Structures are given as structure tokens and as C-alpha cells.
Amino acid sequence: MKQICLMGGTFDPIHYGHLVVAEEVRQKFGLQKVLFIPAARPPHKMGKKISEAYHRVNMTRLATASNKYFEVSTLEIERQGISYTIDTVREIKRIYGIETVYFITGADAVLEIINWKEAEKLLSMCTFIAATRPGYNLNNIKETLKSLPGDILKRILPLEVPALSISSSDIRQRVMEGRSIKYLLPESVEEYILKNGLYRKNTAEKLFLPEMEIS
């Protein structure tokens, strides 16, 4: 049976932390494919600035090109509207004709999962891999999500990954301050950022997403 893992996010920019997590999960669970899915309009980032979709897609393609098990999907970009995970999972399951999907997210995002659209239904459709930094207190996850049924909680699997100390927000800040981002992300992505003037002060390439209620 084909086993596919989804990794969603803004990827603004994608970095080695994302790639290390994806490869670790692929190997650990014997998956045939990891789909990187850049979000169009993630509900948790309403009111924040985010780079244009084509930049984020291009950077993700550059970063994943050398791994034959990695693939970039523009499903959410093409669908437009708010990028709800439940809608994406349903569509991926329909396209690939599979029952179970693995979904990679950060441990902090998992703590908010009960607020996601159709949360319990989503959890019944996926096995969530909660990527954590070394030393992360896993009791935070158990305590916060203790109201969920036990069979659903078993679908949330923590995975410790050292490279998660790298963050997209830190990379953007470094570029804004004129500091080096070398060795934090693939060289092809670094060159793309510099060539296109991303993350510099007063850049005109930013899309402002207005505040919106999350449901």
C-alpha cells in the first residue's frame, strides 16, 4: 500500500529544518513520497505578511529537487481561498486513492490542533508527526490534548529533530539585518532570496493578509 506524507507550511523560506524532518519521517515510517504543500492563505497567519506564492513555490522546488522522494504540490495555491488542512487531506486522499496519510507539523502547531477546522475528523484521517526540538517537554502535548479520545491521541507521534532550531522567521530577520543565512538553507534557495530581493526592508514583494476569524 502506498504511504504518503504531507508537509504543509508557508515555506517562507524553506530551510534545512524542513528538509531534515521530512527525510527523517520518510525513512522512519518507510514512506514512498513526501509532498511539500506551500499554503495559499494559512488561517493562522492572517494579518501577517507573507511572500508571494510563486516565490515560495519556486524556493520549495529548488530545495527539494535533489531528493527523488520529495515532490512539491501546488494544490493549495491553485485552490486559493483559506488553506484548511482538512480540505487538503481529503483532496490528496482522493487523488492518490489512499486511506491513511501521514502529516508533518511542529509540536507547537499540534497544541493548537483542537482549534483547527473539523479537528477530530482530521485526526481520524491522518497520523500526525509532531516534530520537536531536543529537550521539548512532551507532557505539554498530552496535557493540552487530553480531552481527545484515546484512539485519536495515538495518531499523534512526537519525533525529536535537532535541526528544528532553524526557523524561517530567523532567516527573514537575518536577511533584513544584512546578516548571513549560509548553511541554514540550501544554497540554491539562498541565491534565489538574494536575487529576488526577498525579506529586505520595505520590499514590495510582500502580500498582506487581512485579519480574519479562524474557524
C-alpha atoms as a PDB file:
ATOM      1  CA  MET A   1       0.000   0.000   0.000  1.00  0.00           C
ATOM      2  CA  LYS A   2       1.307   3.436  -0.963  1.00  0.00           C
ATOM      3  CA  GLN A   3       2.268   5.544   2.037  1.00  0.00           C
ATOM      4  CA  ILE A   4       2.383   9.305   1.528  1.00  0.00           C
ATOM      5  CA  CYS A   5       3.380  12.055   3.919  1.00  0.00           C
ATOM      6  CA  LEU A   6       2.262  15.663   3.652  1.00  0.00           C
ATOM      7  CA  MET A   7       4.277  18.624   4.849  1.00  0.00           C
ATOM      8  CA  GLY A   8       2.383  21.870   4.699  1.00  0.00           C
ATOM      9  CA  GLY A   9       3.544  25.369   5.542  1.00  0.00           C
ATOM     10  CA  THR A  10       4.230  28.766   4.100  1.00  0.00           C
ATOM     11  CA  PHE A  11       7.881  27.806   3.413  1.00  0.00           C
ATOM     12  CA  ASP A  12       8.808  31.479   3.625  1.00  0.00           C
ATOM     13  CA  PRO A  13      11.560  30.403   3.156  1.00  0.00           C
ATOM     14  CA  ILE A  14      12.002  26.636   3.233  1.00  0.00           C
ATOM     15  CA  HIS A  15      15.164  25.629   5.130  1.00  0.00           C
ATOM     16  CA  TYR A  16      17.220  22.650   6.265  1.00  0.00           C
ATOM     17  CA  GLY A  17      14.967  22.109   9.285  1.00  0.00           C
ATOM     18  CA  HIS A  18      12.031  21.313   6.978  1.00  0.00           C
ATOM     19  CA  LEU A  19      14.156  19.028   4.810  1.00  0.00           C
ATOM     20  CA  VAL A  20      15.751  17.113   7.685  1.00  0.00           C
ATOM     21  CA  VAL A  21      12.359  16.486   9.300  1.00  0.00           C
ATOM     22  CA  ALA A  22      10.843  15.296   6.021  1.00  0.00           C
ATOM     23  CA  GLU A  23      13.682  12.860   5.318  1.00  0.00           C
ATOM     24  CA  GLU A  24      13.724  11.570   8.894  1.00  0.00           C
ATOM     25  CA  VAL A  25       9.979  10.869   8.785  1.00  0.00           C
ATOM     26  CA  ARG A  26      10.229   9.269   5.334  1.00  0.00           C
ATOM     27  CA  GLN A  27      12.896   6.844   6.482  1.00  0.00           C
ATOM     28  CA  LYS A  28      11.443   6.117   9.910  1.00  0.00           C
ATOM     29  CA  PHE A  29       7.991   5.213   8.583  1.00  0.00           C
ATOM     30  CA  GLY A  30       9.047   3.720   5.252  1.00  0.00           C
ATOM     31  CA  LEU A  31       7.139   6.243   3.125  1.00  0.00           C
ATOM     32  CA  GLN A  32       7.235   6.312  -0.674  1.00  0.00           C
ATOM     33  CA  LYS A  33       6.730  10.044  -1.044  1.00  0.00           C
ATOM     34  CA  VAL A  34       6.771  13.315   0.880  1.00  0.00           C
ATOM     35  CA  LEU A  35       4.578  16.033  -0.603  1.00  0.00           C
ATOM     36  CA  PHE A  36       5.582  19.596   0.258  1.00  0.00           C
ATOM     37  CA  ILE A  37       2.466  21.766   0.013  1.00  0.00           C
ATOM     38  CA  PRO A  38       3.025  25.550   0.162  1.00  0.00           C
ATOM     39  CA  ALA A  39      -0.044  27.189   1.683  1.00  0.00           C
ATOM     40  CA  ALA A  40      -2.007  29.838  -0.173  1.00  0.00           C
ATOM     41  CA  ARG A  41      -3.602  31.619   2.799  1.00  0.00           C
ATOM     42  CA  PRO A  42      -2.990  29.756   6.072  1.00  0.00           C
ATOM     43  CA  PRO A  43      -5.646  30.726   8.656  1.00  0.00           C
ATOM     44  CA  HIS A  44      -3.108  31.020  11.497  1.00  0.00           C
ATOM     45  CA  LYS A  45      -1.176  33.713   9.595  1.00  0.00           C
ATOM     46  CA  MET A  46      -3.984  36.100   8.810  1.00  0.00           C
ATOM     47  CA  GLY A  47      -2.881  39.665   9.441  1.00  0.00           C
ATOM     48  CA  LYS A  48       0.777  38.781   8.839  1.00  0.00           C
ATOM     49  CA  LYS A  49       2.939  39.459   5.811  1.00  0.00           C
ATOM     50  CA  ILE A  50       3.807  36.564   3.573  1.00  0.00           C
ATOM     51  CA  SER A  51       5.794  36.381   0.327  1.00  0.00           C
ATOM     52  CA  GLU A  52       4.013  35.871  -2.973  1.00  0.00           C
ATOM     53  CA  ALA A  53       3.053  32.248  -3.630  1.00  0.00           C
ATOM     54  CA  TYR A  54       5.209  31.854  -6.728  1.00  0.00           C
ATOM     55  CA  HIS A  55       8.352  32.777  -4.759  1.00  0.00           C
ATOM     56  CA  ARG A  56       7.561  30.240  -2.049  1.00  0.00           C
ATOM     57  CA  VAL A  57       6.773  27.518  -4.598  1.00  0.00           C
ATOM     58  CA  ASN A  58       9.980  28.236  -6.526  1.00  0.00           C
ATOM     59  CA  MET A  59      12.108  28.076  -3.371  1.00  0.00           C
ATOM     60  CA  THR A  60      10.461  24.809  -2.303  1.00  0.00           C
ATOM     61  CA  ARG A  61      11.117  23.256  -5.703  1.00  0.00           C
ATOM     62  CA  LEU A  62      14.758  24.325  -5.617  1.00  0.00           C
ATOM     63  CA  ALA A  63      15.231  22.907  -2.125  1.00  0.00           C
ATOM     64  CA  THR A  64      13.626  19.529  -2.833  1.00  0.00           C
ATOM     65  CA  ALA A  65      14.910  18.909  -6.363  1.00  0.00           C
ATOM     66  CA  SER A  66      17.793  16.632  -5.351  1.00  0.00           C
ATOM     67  CA  ASN A  67      15.644  14.144  -3.393  1.00  0.00           C
ATOM     68  CA  LYS A  68      13.724  11.704  -5.602  1.00  0.00           C
ATOM     69  CA  TYR A  69      11.270  11.014  -2.773  1.00  0.00           C
ATOM     70  CA  PHE A  70      10.298  14.678  -2.400  1.00  0.00           C
ATOM     71  CA  GLU A  71       7.647  16.347  -4.511  1.00  0.00           C
ATOM     72  CA  VAL A  72       6.054  19.808  -4.471  1.00  0.00           C
ATOM     73  CA  SER A  73       2.280  20.152  -4.773  1.00  0.00           C
ATOM     74  CA  THR A  74       0.602  23.462  -5.678  1.00  0.00           C
ATOM     75  CA  LEU A  75      -2.811  22.115  -4.700  1.00  0.00           C
ATOM     76  CA  GLU A  76      -3.489  24.793  -2.077  1.00  0.00           C
ATOM     77  CA  ILE A  77      -2.151  27.595  -4.263  1.00  0.00           C
ATOM     78  CA  GLU A  78      -4.399  26.544  -7.144  1.00  0.00           C
ATOM     79  CA  ARG A  79      -7.405  26.060  -4.864  1.00  0.00           C
ATOM     80  CA  GLN A  80      -6.994  29.587  -3.491  1.00  0.00           C
ATOM     81  CA  GLY A  81      -9.062  30.756  -0.524  1.00  0.00           C
ATOM     82  CA  ILE A  82      -8.146  29.790   3.054  1.00  0.00           C
ATOM     83  CA  SER A  83      -5.782  26.804   3.235  1.00  0.00           C
ATOM     84  CA  TYR A  84      -7.532  24.429   5.631  1.00  0.00           C
ATOM     85  CA  THR A  85      -5.682  21.177   6.285  1.00  0.00           C
ATOM     86  CA  ILE A  86      -8.854  19.069   6.286  1.00  0.00           C
ATOM     87  CA  ASP A  87      -9.647  20.131   2.704  1.00  0.00           C
ATOM     88  CA  THR A  88      -6.105  19.344   1.558  1.00  0.00           C
ATOM     89  CA  VAL A  89      -6.060  15.907   3.184  1.00  0.00           C
ATOM     90  CA  ARG A  90      -9.390  14.984   1.591  1.00  0.00           C
ATOM     91  CA  GLU A  91      -8.144  16.037  -1.822  1.00  0.00           C
ATOM     92  CA  ILE A  92      -4.826  14.184  -1.510  1.00  0.00           C
ATOM     93  CA  LYS A  93      -6.607  11.001  -0.410  1.00  0.00           C
ATOM     94  CA  ARG A  94      -8.924  11.282  -3.412  1.00  0.00           C
ATOM     95  CA  ILE A  95      -6.098  11.934  -5.892  1.00  0.00           C
ATOM     96  CA  TYR A  96      -3.863   9.105  -4.686  1.00  0.00           C
ATOM     97  CA  GLY A  97      -6.617   6.690  -3.665  1.00  0.00           C
ATOM     98  CA  ILE A  98      -5.188   6.083  -0.195  1.00  0.00           C
ATOM     99  CA  GLU A  99      -6.768   5.633   3.220  1.00  0.00           C
ATOM    100  CA  THR A 100      -4.027   6.785   5.593  1.00  0.00           C
ATOM    101  CA  VAL A 101      -1.957   9.937   5.273  1.00  0.00           C
ATOM    102  CA  TYR A 102       0.968  10.995   7.432  1.00  0.00           C
ATOM    103  CA  PHE A 103       1.095  14.705   8.167  1.00  0.00           C
ATOM    104  CA  ILE A 104       4.190  16.503   9.475  1.00  0.00           C
ATOM    105  CA  THR A 105       3.755  19.530  11.679  1.00  0.00           C
ATOM    106  CA  GLY A 106       5.562  21.184  14.560  1.00  0.00           C
ATOM    107  CA  ALA A 107       4.840  20.315  18.170  1.00  0.00           C
ATOM    108  CA  ASP A 108       3.655  23.879  18.837  1.00  0.00           C
ATOM    109  CA  ALA A 109       1.131  23.602  15.994  1.00  0.00           C
ATOM    110  CA  VAL A 110      -0.151  20.293  17.388  1.00  0.00           C
ATOM    111  CA  LEU A 111      -1.005  22.079  20.633  1.00  0.00           C
ATOM    112  CA  GLU A 112      -3.442  24.225  18.638  1.00  0.00           C
ATOM    113  CA  ILE A 113      -4.903  21.380  16.614  1.00  0.00           C
ATOM    114  CA  ILE A 114      -8.176  21.219  18.539  1.00  0.00           C
ATOM    115  CA  ASN A 115      -8.925  24.689  17.122  1.00  0.00           C
ATOM    116  CA  TRP A 116      -8.412  23.576  13.526  1.00  0.00           C
ATOM    117  CA  LYS A 117     -11.348  23.145  11.154  1.00  0.00           C
ATOM    118  CA  GLU A 118     -13.048  19.743  11.767  1.00  0.00           C
ATOM    119  CA  ALA A 119     -10.233  18.804  14.127  1.00  0.00           C
ATOM    120  CA  GLU A 120     -11.447  15.381  15.286  1.00  0.00           C
ATOM    121  CA  LYS A 121     -12.356  14.326  11.752  1.00  0.00           C
ATOM    122  CA  LEU A 122      -8.919  15.425  10.564  1.00  0.00           C
ATOM    123  CA  LEU A 123      -7.194  13.480  13.333  1.00  0.00           C
ATOM    124  CA  SER A 124      -9.139  10.367  12.380  1.00  0.00           C
ATOM    125  CA  MET A 125      -7.912  10.686   8.778  1.00  0.00           C
ATOM    126  CA  CYS A 126      -4.199  11.245   9.475  1.00  0.00           C
ATOM    127  CA  THR A 127      -1.286  10.114  11.542  1.00  0.00           C
ATOM    128  CA  PHE A 128       0.321  13.344  12.766  1.00  0.00           C
ATOM    129  CA  ILE A 129       4.084  13.541  13.229  1.00  0.00           C
ATOM    130  CA  ALA A 130       4.779  16.247  15.809  1.00  0.00           C
ATOM    131  CA  ALA A 131       8.349  17.367  15.161  1.00  0.00           C
ATOM    132  CA  THR A 132      10.054  18.629  18.322  1.00  0.00           C
ATOM    133  CA  ARG A 133      13.354  20.161  19.288  1.00  0.00           C
ATOM    134  CA  PRO A 134      15.643  18.184  21.634  1.00  0.00           C
ATOM    135  CA  GLY A 135      14.534  18.593  25.229  1.00  0.00           C
ATOM    136  CA  TYR A 136      10.948  19.513  24.355  1.00  0.00           C
ATOM    137  CA  ASN A 137       8.547  18.559  27.151  1.00  0.00           C
ATOM    138  CA  LEU A 138       6.223  16.027  25.543  1.00  0.00           C
ATOM    139  CA  ASN A 139       3.860  16.286  28.506  1.00  0.00           C
ATOM    140  CA  ASN A 140       2.725  19.603  27.015  1.00  0.00           C
ATOM    141  CA  ILE A 141       1.113  17.707  24.152  1.00  0.00           C
ATOM    142  CA  LYS A 142      -0.508  15.069  26.370  1.00  0.00           C
ATOM    143  CA  GLU A 143      -1.855  17.635  28.828  1.00  0.00           C
ATOM    144  CA  THR A 144      -3.203  20.056  26.224  1.00  0.00           C
ATOM    145  CA  LEU A 145      -4.920  17.374  24.130  1.00  0.00           C
ATOM    146  CA  LYS A 146      -6.097  15.121  26.966  1.00  0.00           C
ATOM    147  CA  SER A 147      -9.744  15.823  26.113  1.00  0.00           C
ATOM    148  CA  LEU A 148      -9.387  13.982  22.804  1.00  0.00           C
ATOM    149  CA  PRO A 149     -10.386  10.293  22.597  1.00  0.00           C
ATOM    150  CA  GLY A 150      -7.529   7.869  23.286  1.00  0.00           C
ATOM    151  CA  ASP A 151      -7.638   6.273  19.838  1.00  0.00           C
ATOM    152  CA  ILE A 152      -7.158   9.703  18.261  1.00  0.00           C
ATOM    153  CA  LEU A 153      -4.322  10.667  20.617  1.00  0.00           C
ATOM    154  CA  LYS A 154      -2.463   7.568  19.446  1.00  0.00           C
ATOM    155  CA  ARG A 155      -2.357   9.136  15.982  1.00  0.00           C
ATOM    156  CA  ILE A 156      -0.093  11.949  17.225  1.00  0.00           C
ATOM    157  CA  LEU A 157       3.513  10.749  17.230  1.00  0.00           C
ATOM    158  CA  PRO A 158       6.320  13.000  18.526  1.00  0.00           C
ATOM    159  CA  LEU A 159       9.656  12.956  16.707  1.00  0.00           C
ATOM    160  CA  GLU A 160      12.739  14.742  18.034  1.00  0.00           C
ATOM    161  CA  VAL A 161      14.752  16.542  15.341  1.00  0.00           C
ATOM    162  CA  PRO A 162      17.868  18.625  16.217  1.00  0.00           C
ATOM    163  CA  ALA A 163      17.681  20.756  13.045  1.00  0.00           C
ATOM    164  CA  LEU A 164      14.437  22.360  14.223  1.00  0.00           C
ATOM    165  CA  SER A 165      16.490  25.067  15.916  1.00  0.00           C
ATOM    166  CA  ILE A 166      16.474  26.690  12.457  1.00  0.00           C
ATOM    167  CA  SER A 167      13.433  28.860  11.754  1.00  0.00           C
ATOM    168  CA  SER A 168      12.045  30.741   8.767  1.00  0.00           C
ATOM    169  CA  SER A 169      11.371  33.830  10.886  1.00  0.00           C
ATOM    170  CA  ASP A 170      15.019  33.945  11.987  1.00  0.00           C
ATOM    171  CA  ILE A 171      16.171  33.639   8.373  1.00  0.00           C
ATOM    172  CA  ARG A 172      13.894  36.512   7.306  1.00  0.00           C
ATOM    173  CA  GLN A 173      15.208  38.628  10.180  1.00  0.00           C
ATOM    174  CA  ARG A 174      18.809  37.876   9.237  1.00  0.00           C
ATOM    175  CA  VAL A 175      18.223  38.961   5.645  1.00  0.00           C
ATOM    176  CA  MET A 176      16.527  42.152   6.825  1.00  0.00           C
ATOM    177  CA  GLU A 177      19.528  42.921   9.024  1.00  0.00           C
ATOM    178  CA  GLY A 178      22.057  42.048   6.325  1.00  0.00           C
ATOM    179  CA  ARG A 179      23.369  39.006   8.213  1.00  0.00           C
ATOM    180  CA  SER A 180      24.473  35.711   6.679  1.00  0.00           C
ATOM    181  CA  ILE A 181      21.966  32.899   6.107  1.00  0.00           C
ATOM    182  CA  LYS A 182      24.535  30.487   4.680  1.00  0.00           C
ATOM    183  CA  TYR A 183      24.268  26.865   5.901  1.00  0.00           C
ATOM    184  CA  LEU A 184      20.735  27.448   7.212  1.00  0.00           C
ATOM    185  CA  LEU A 185      19.090  26.509   3.917  1.00  0.00           C
ATOM    186  CA  PRO A 186      20.127  25.100   0.516  1.00  0.00           C
ATOM    187  CA  GLU A 187      22.479  27.301  -1.472  1.00  0.00           C
ATOM    188  CA  SER A 188      20.008  27.403  -4.370  1.00  0.00           C
ATOM    189  CA  VAL A 189      17.372  28.902  -2.067  1.00  0.00           C
ATOM    190  CA  GLU A 190      19.850  31.386  -0.608  1.00  0.00           C
ATOM    191  CA  GLU A 191      20.727  32.547  -4.124  1.00  0.00           C
ATOM    192  CA  TYR A 192      17.046  32.848  -5.025  1.00  0.00           C
ATOM    193  CA  ILE A 193      16.346  35.026  -1.979  1.00  0.00           C
ATOM    194  CA  LEU A 194      19.239  37.354  -2.745  1.00  0.00           C
ATOM    195  CA  LYS A 195      18.487  37.515  -6.483  1.00  0.00           C
ATOM    196  CA  ASN A 196      14.837  38.396  -5.928  1.00  0.00           C
ATOM    197  CA  GLY A 197      15.393  40.774  -3.013  1.00  0.00           C
ATOM    198  CA  LEU A 198      13.159  38.851  -0.620  1.00  0.00           C
ATOM    199  CA  TYR A 199      12.833  39.812   3.062  1.00  0.00           C
ATOM    200  CA  ARG A 200      14.588  43.138   2.723  1.00  0.00           C
ATOM    201  CA  LYS A 201      13.160  46.199   4.462  1.00  0.00           C
ATOM    202  CA  ASN A 202      10.296  47.862   2.606  1.00  0.00           C
ATOM    203  CA  THR A 203      10.247  45.114  -0.029  1.00  0.00           C
ATOM    204  CA  ALA A 204       7.360  45.482  -2.423  1.00  0.00           C
ATOM    205  CA  GLU A 205       7.115  41.727  -2.884  1.00  0.00           C
ATOM    206  CA  LYS A 206       5.047  41.120   0.254  1.00  0.00           C
ATOM    207  CA  LEU A 207       1.375  40.232   0.306  1.00  0.00           C
ATOM    208  CA  PHE A 208      -0.582  41.478   3.301  1.00  0.00           C
ATOM    209  CA  LEU A 209      -3.235  39.090   4.531  1.00  0.00           C
ATOM    210  CA  PRO A 210      -6.041  40.888   6.412  1.00  0.00           C
ATOM    211  CA  GLU A 211      -7.247  39.780   9.801  1.00  0.00           C
ATOM    212  CA  MET A 212      -9.900  37.077   9.616  1.00  0.00           C
ATOM    213  CA  GLU A 213     -11.661  34.921  12.140  1.00  0.00           C
ATOM    214  CA  ILE A 214     -10.310  31.369  12.212  1.00  0.00           C
ATOM    215  CA  SER A 215     -12.871  28.587  12.125  1.00  0.00           C
END
